Structures are given as structure tokens and as C-alpha cells.
N, C-alpha and C. Protein backbone atom coordinates (compact mmCIF):
# COMPACT_ATOMS: atom_id res chain seq x y z
N MET A 1 -35.24 103.09 93.86
CA MET A 1 -36.67 103.48 93.29
C MET A 1 -36.50 102.95 92.13
N LYS A 2 -35.27 103.03 90.81
CA LYS A 2 -35.35 102.44 90.12
C LYS A 2 -35.59 100.93 90.20
N PHE A 3 -34.63 100.23 91.11
CA PHE A 3 -34.53 99.08 91.51
C PHE A 3 -35.80 98.27 91.72
N LEU A 4 -36.52 99.34 92.28
CA LEU A 4 -37.95 98.55 92.73
C LEU A 4 -38.47 98.49 91.72
N SER A 5 -39.04 99.52 90.92
CA SER A 5 -39.53 99.25 89.67
C SER A 5 -39.42 98.05 88.89
N SER A 6 -38.05 98.07 88.65
CA SER A 6 -37.06 96.76 87.70
C SER A 6 -38.11 95.49 88.43
N LEU A 7 -37.65 95.23 89.88
CA LEU A 7 -38.12 94.13 90.64
C LEU A 7 -39.53 93.91 90.16
N LEU A 8 -40.54 95.04 90.30
CA LEU A 8 -41.83 94.78 90.25
C LEU A 8 -42.20 94.23 89.03
N ILE A 9 -41.56 95.18 87.70
CA ILE A 9 -41.89 94.58 86.09
C ILE A 9 -41.38 93.15 86.24
N ALA A 10 -40.11 92.66 86.86
CA ALA A 10 -39.62 91.38 86.55
C ALA A 10 -40.58 90.53 87.22
N CYS A 11 -41.41 91.12 88.72
CA CYS A 11 -42.17 90.15 89.00
C CYS A 11 -43.52 90.13 88.28
N ALA A 12 -43.97 90.51 87.54
CA ALA A 12 -45.04 90.79 87.00
C ALA A 12 -44.78 89.89 85.43
N LEU A 13 -43.67 90.02 85.27
CA LEU A 13 -43.28 89.21 84.20
C LEU A 13 -43.67 88.07 84.63
N PHE A 14 -43.09 87.52 85.33
CA PHE A 14 -42.55 85.83 85.97
C PHE A 14 -44.17 85.45 86.33
N SER A 15 -45.06 85.84 86.90
CA SER A 15 -46.03 85.62 87.47
C SER A 15 -47.10 85.26 85.96
N GLY A 16 -46.77 86.54 85.38
CA GLY A 16 -47.52 86.07 83.56
C GLY A 16 -47.29 84.89 83.30
N ALA A 17 -45.97 84.63 82.94
CA ALA A 17 -45.78 82.94 82.49
C ALA A 17 -45.75 82.01 83.20
N VAL A 18 -45.72 82.35 84.62
CA VAL A 18 -46.38 81.00 85.77
C VAL A 18 -47.44 80.69 85.37
N GLN A 19 -48.69 81.30 84.89
CA GLN A 19 -50.07 81.72 85.21
C GLN A 19 -50.32 80.95 83.58
N ALA A 20 -49.75 81.41 82.57
CA ALA A 20 -49.55 80.91 81.39
C ALA A 20 -49.46 79.63 81.34
N SER A 21 -48.18 79.24 81.65
CA SER A 21 -48.20 77.70 81.63
C SER A 21 -48.95 76.76 82.76
N SER A 22 -49.35 77.44 83.62
CA SER A 22 -50.43 76.89 84.23
C SER A 22 -51.73 76.19 83.65
N SER A 23 -52.03 77.61 83.16
CA SER A 23 -53.45 76.95 81.85
C SER A 23 -52.98 76.10 80.76
N GLN A 24 -51.64 76.57 80.41
CA GLN A 24 -51.54 75.47 79.15
C GLN A 24 -51.67 73.86 79.78
N ALA A 25 -50.78 73.89 81.05
CA ALA A 25 -51.01 72.57 81.44
C ALA A 25 -52.07 71.93 81.73
N TRP A 26 -52.92 72.74 82.68
CA TRP A 26 -54.45 72.03 82.52
C TRP A 26 -54.75 72.10 80.78
N ASN A 27 -54.79 72.58 80.23
CA ASN A 27 -55.31 72.18 79.07
C ASN A 27 -54.87 71.02 78.53
N GLN A 28 -53.66 70.76 78.34
CA GLN A 28 -52.81 69.25 77.95
C GLN A 28 -53.33 68.24 78.68
N GLN A 29 -53.61 68.30 79.88
CA GLN A 29 -54.30 67.22 80.69
C GLN A 29 -55.53 67.60 80.40
N ARG A 30 -56.34 68.37 80.45
CA ARG A 30 -57.80 67.78 79.75
C ARG A 30 -57.68 67.11 78.52
N GLN A 31 -56.78 67.56 77.44
CA GLN A 31 -56.48 66.70 75.98
C GLN A 31 -56.56 65.48 76.24
N GLN A 32 -55.30 65.14 77.13
CA GLN A 32 -55.44 63.77 77.49
C GLN A 32 -56.34 62.86 77.84
N MET A 33 -56.98 63.69 79.47
CA MET A 33 -58.44 62.77 79.60
C MET A 33 -59.51 62.75 78.33
N LEU A 34 -59.30 63.56 77.59
CA LEU A 34 -60.69 63.82 76.56
C LEU A 34 -60.35 61.96 75.22
N LYS A 35 -59.29 62.51 75.02
CA LYS A 35 -58.36 61.30 74.37
C LYS A 35 -58.45 59.50 75.25
N ALA A 36 -58.43 59.77 76.23
CA ALA A 36 -58.19 58.48 76.63
C ALA A 36 -59.78 57.70 76.91
N CYS A 37 -61.00 58.78 77.47
CA CYS A 37 -62.04 58.46 77.73
C CYS A 37 -62.47 58.16 76.38
N LEU A 38 -62.47 58.76 75.18
CA LEU A 38 -62.94 58.07 74.10
C LEU A 38 -62.06 57.17 73.53
N ALA A 39 -60.78 57.08 73.84
CA ALA A 39 -60.77 55.33 73.51
C ALA A 39 -61.04 54.25 74.24
N ALA A 40 -61.34 54.63 75.46
CA ALA A 40 -62.60 53.95 76.66
C ALA A 40 -63.86 53.66 76.06
N SER A 41 -64.60 54.43 75.40
CA SER A 41 -65.74 54.47 75.41
C SER A 41 -65.91 53.20 74.46
N GLN A 42 -67.02 52.71 74.13
CA GLN A 42 -67.63 51.53 73.55
C GLN A 42 -68.53 52.29 72.31
N PHE A 43 -68.81 53.20 72.35
CA PHE A 43 -69.78 54.29 71.59
C PHE A 43 -68.78 54.10 70.24
N LYS A 44 -69.68 54.30 68.87
CA LYS A 44 -68.87 54.98 67.59
C LYS A 44 -69.60 56.18 67.87
N ASN A 45 -68.97 57.00 67.15
CA ASN A 45 -68.74 58.60 67.20
C ASN A 45 -68.67 59.14 68.31
N ALA A 46 -68.11 58.44 69.50
CA ALA A 46 -68.06 59.04 70.49
C ALA A 46 -67.76 60.24 70.81
N HIS A 47 -68.55 61.55 72.02
CA HIS A 47 -67.90 62.58 72.07
C HIS A 47 -68.61 63.30 73.34
N ALA A 48 -67.50 64.35 74.02
CA ALA A 48 -67.58 64.89 74.89
C ALA A 48 -69.25 65.34 75.12
N ARG A 49 -69.82 65.29 76.58
CA ARG A 49 -71.02 65.80 76.59
C ARG A 49 -71.09 67.10 77.27
N GLY A 50 -70.45 67.90 77.30
CA GLY A 50 -70.43 69.28 78.65
C GLY A 50 -69.00 69.08 79.02
N LYS A 51 -68.54 69.84 79.96
CA LYS A 51 -67.31 70.08 80.34
C LYS A 51 -67.00 69.22 81.71
N PRO A 52 -65.97 68.83 81.90
CA PRO A 52 -65.45 67.81 83.26
C PRO A 52 -65.57 68.35 84.60
N ALA A 53 -65.47 67.62 85.29
CA ALA A 53 -65.58 67.80 86.81
C ALA A 53 -64.92 67.48 87.61
N GLU A 54 -63.61 68.61 87.83
CA GLU A 54 -62.46 67.88 88.07
C GLU A 54 -62.42 68.19 89.35
N PHE A 55 -62.21 66.94 90.41
CA PHE A 55 -62.03 66.32 91.74
C PHE A 55 -60.63 66.84 92.36
N ASP A 56 -60.96 67.53 93.69
CA ASP A 56 -59.68 67.86 94.17
C ASP A 56 -58.46 66.84 93.99
N ASP A 57 -57.28 67.10 93.92
CA ASP A 57 -56.09 66.54 93.50
C ASP A 57 -55.72 65.44 94.55
N GLN A 58 -56.51 65.95 95.88
CA GLN A 58 -56.21 64.45 97.18
C GLN A 58 -56.83 62.93 96.43
N LEU A 59 -57.92 63.33 95.81
CA LEU A 59 -58.93 62.29 94.95
C LEU A 59 -57.52 62.24 93.43
N GLY A 60 -57.95 63.16 92.86
CA GLY A 60 -57.06 63.29 91.22
C GLY A 60 -58.00 62.35 90.63
N ILE A 61 -59.04 62.49 90.75
CA ILE A 61 -59.64 61.94 89.53
C ILE A 61 -60.79 63.25 89.11
N SER A 62 -60.81 62.55 87.47
CA SER A 62 -61.76 63.53 86.68
C SER A 62 -63.03 63.06 85.97
N ALA A 63 -63.95 63.54 86.03
CA ALA A 63 -65.68 62.96 85.60
C ALA A 63 -66.04 64.16 84.30
N LEU A 64 -66.14 62.91 83.24
CA LEU A 64 -66.48 63.77 82.05
C LEU A 64 -67.63 62.47 81.45
N LEU A 65 -69.05 63.08 80.77
CA LEU A 65 -69.88 62.33 79.97
C LEU A 65 -69.25 62.18 78.76
N ILE A 66 -69.67 61.34 78.17
CA ILE A 66 -69.23 60.33 76.68
C ILE A 66 -70.86 60.42 76.55
N GLU A 67 -71.27 60.75 75.06
CA GLU A 67 -72.17 60.33 74.46
C GLU A 67 -71.76 59.69 72.85
N GLY A 68 -72.51 59.05 72.88
CA GLY A 68 -72.24 57.81 71.32
C GLY A 68 -73.35 57.23 71.05
N VAL A 69 -73.04 56.65 70.32
CA VAL A 69 -74.18 55.61 69.60
C VAL A 69 -73.78 54.36 69.70
N TYR A 70 -74.44 53.70 69.99
CA TYR A 70 -74.38 51.74 70.59
C TYR A 70 -74.05 51.08 69.40
N PRO A 71 -72.58 50.53 69.64
CA PRO A 71 -71.98 49.99 68.19
C PRO A 71 -73.07 48.52 67.73
N GLN A 72 -73.57 47.67 68.60
CA GLN A 72 -74.46 46.56 68.44
C GLN A 72 -75.79 47.02 67.40
N LYS A 73 -75.90 45.74 66.68
CA LYS A 73 -76.57 46.03 65.23
C LYS A 73 -78.07 46.25 66.12
N HIS A 74 -78.56 45.33 67.35
CA HIS A 74 -79.60 45.25 68.13
C HIS A 74 -80.06 46.24 68.28
N MET A 75 -79.21 47.22 68.95
CA MET A 75 -79.60 48.66 69.31
C MET A 75 -79.87 49.95 68.58
N GLN A 76 -80.02 49.47 67.10
CA GLN A 76 -80.91 49.93 66.03
C GLN A 76 -79.92 51.35 65.94
N GLN A 77 -78.72 51.76 66.38
CA GLN A 77 -78.10 53.08 66.04
C GLN A 77 -78.67 54.27 67.49
N ARG A 78 -79.30 53.74 68.52
CA ARG A 78 -79.40 54.69 69.75
C ARG A 78 -78.57 55.07 69.84
N THR A 79 -78.60 56.67 70.57
CA THR A 79 -77.60 56.86 71.18
C THR A 79 -77.52 56.53 72.95
N GLY A 80 -76.25 56.82 73.49
CA GLY A 80 -76.49 56.56 74.94
C GLY A 80 -75.49 56.86 75.53
N THR A 81 -74.91 57.19 76.65
CA THR A 81 -74.26 57.99 77.42
C THR A 81 -73.04 57.23 78.62
N GLU A 82 -72.29 57.62 78.58
CA GLU A 82 -71.38 56.80 79.56
C GLU A 82 -70.80 57.84 80.30
N LEU A 83 -70.23 57.49 81.52
CA LEU A 83 -69.78 58.33 82.54
C LEU A 83 -68.21 57.70 82.49
N CYS A 84 -67.14 58.55 82.27
CA CYS A 84 -66.11 58.28 82.05
C CYS A 84 -65.14 59.12 83.40
N LEU A 85 -64.25 58.24 84.47
CA LEU A 85 -64.00 58.50 85.27
C LEU A 85 -62.40 58.86 84.79
N TYR A 86 -61.43 59.51 85.13
CA TYR A 86 -59.81 59.52 84.58
C TYR A 86 -59.29 59.83 85.76
N ASP A 87 -58.67 59.51 86.35
CA ASP A 87 -57.40 58.95 87.06
C ASP A 87 -55.85 59.88 86.63
N ARG A 88 -55.98 61.08 86.95
CA ARG A 88 -55.10 62.50 86.22
C ARG A 88 -53.70 61.93 86.59
N LYS A 89 -53.61 60.77 87.61
CA LYS A 89 -51.94 59.97 87.86
C LYS A 89 -51.51 59.15 87.33
N GLN A 90 -52.54 58.26 87.16
CA GLN A 90 -52.31 57.25 86.29
C GLN A 90 -52.58 57.45 84.63
N GLN A 91 -53.29 58.22 84.65
CA GLN A 91 -53.86 58.39 83.06
C GLN A 91 -53.91 57.54 82.44
N HIS A 92 -55.38 57.08 83.52
CA HIS A 92 -56.30 55.88 82.86
C HIS A 92 -57.50 56.42 82.97
N ALA A 93 -58.40 56.04 82.54
CA ALA A 93 -59.93 55.91 81.98
C ALA A 93 -60.80 54.88 82.16
N TYR A 94 -61.87 55.49 82.81
CA TYR A 94 -62.50 54.00 83.31
C TYR A 94 -63.79 54.66 82.97
N VAL A 95 -64.61 53.54 82.24
CA VAL A 95 -66.10 54.06 81.53
C VAL A 95 -67.21 53.20 81.99
N SER A 96 -68.40 53.82 82.47
CA SER A 96 -69.64 53.12 82.53
C SER A 96 -70.64 53.64 82.14
N GLU A 97 -71.74 52.85 81.74
CA GLU A 97 -72.77 53.11 81.05
C GLU A 97 -73.60 53.98 81.69
N TRP A 98 -74.32 55.13 81.75
CA TRP A 98 -74.33 56.16 82.66
C TRP A 98 -76.02 56.59 82.00
N THR A 99 -77.19 56.36 82.82
CA THR A 99 -78.21 56.52 82.77
C THR A 99 -79.02 57.78 83.71
N PRO A 100 -79.06 59.05 83.22
CA PRO A 100 -79.24 60.20 83.93
C PRO A 100 -80.37 59.58 85.14
N GLY A 101 -81.11 60.02 85.85
CA GLY A 101 -82.44 59.73 86.21
C GLY A 101 -82.88 58.36 86.64
N ALA A 102 -82.09 57.86 85.83
CA ALA A 102 -82.63 56.48 86.64
C ALA A 102 -81.84 55.87 87.44
N GLN A 103 -83.06 54.74 88.41
CA GLN A 103 -82.62 54.43 89.39
C GLN A 103 -82.51 53.11 89.52
């Protein structure tokens, strides 16, 4: 009985450590994605708009909307939105102008 109790406690501690590590890994990946997306953006004062959309590992892509100010003088400090697609395996970000609702 003592062995069983010790085994259950060990399993509980181990599963908690795995879960914490997994959460930490996700947070680190999201920070890398944010950094890459902001670096790829053409905007001044770029920042994330909302939370990322995480696609299946088979696809390996995360999507994040970036908002900021157009740097061109003729844009007269207007704000805009870009869609950032982040390749988790290659750790590379691709951005494109995004106009919600436009066709």
C-alpha cells in the first residue's frame, strides 16, 4: 500500500511538471511568433491585435493580426492591419495587408 501511495504521488508530481513545461513551451513559442511578426511588419508602433489562431501541427502555422501606423508620409498617420502567418517549424513570419470585410 505504501508503494502504491508513493507511486501515485510521483505520477502526480511528474504530470504537473510536464504540464508546466508544456505551458512554458507554448508561451515561449508565442513570444517568438510575436517578435517575428512585429519584425516582419511594415508598420510603426506595431502591436498584436487579439490572440493568435493556432492551426493543427500538421499545417504548422499560426495566424496573428498586427495593427499599426503606416510609415509612408502620404498615408498621414493612418492605422492599418496586417495578417501575419507564422511558420512554427521554420520560425519565419509572412505578412500581408489585411482589410477586414473588404472584397
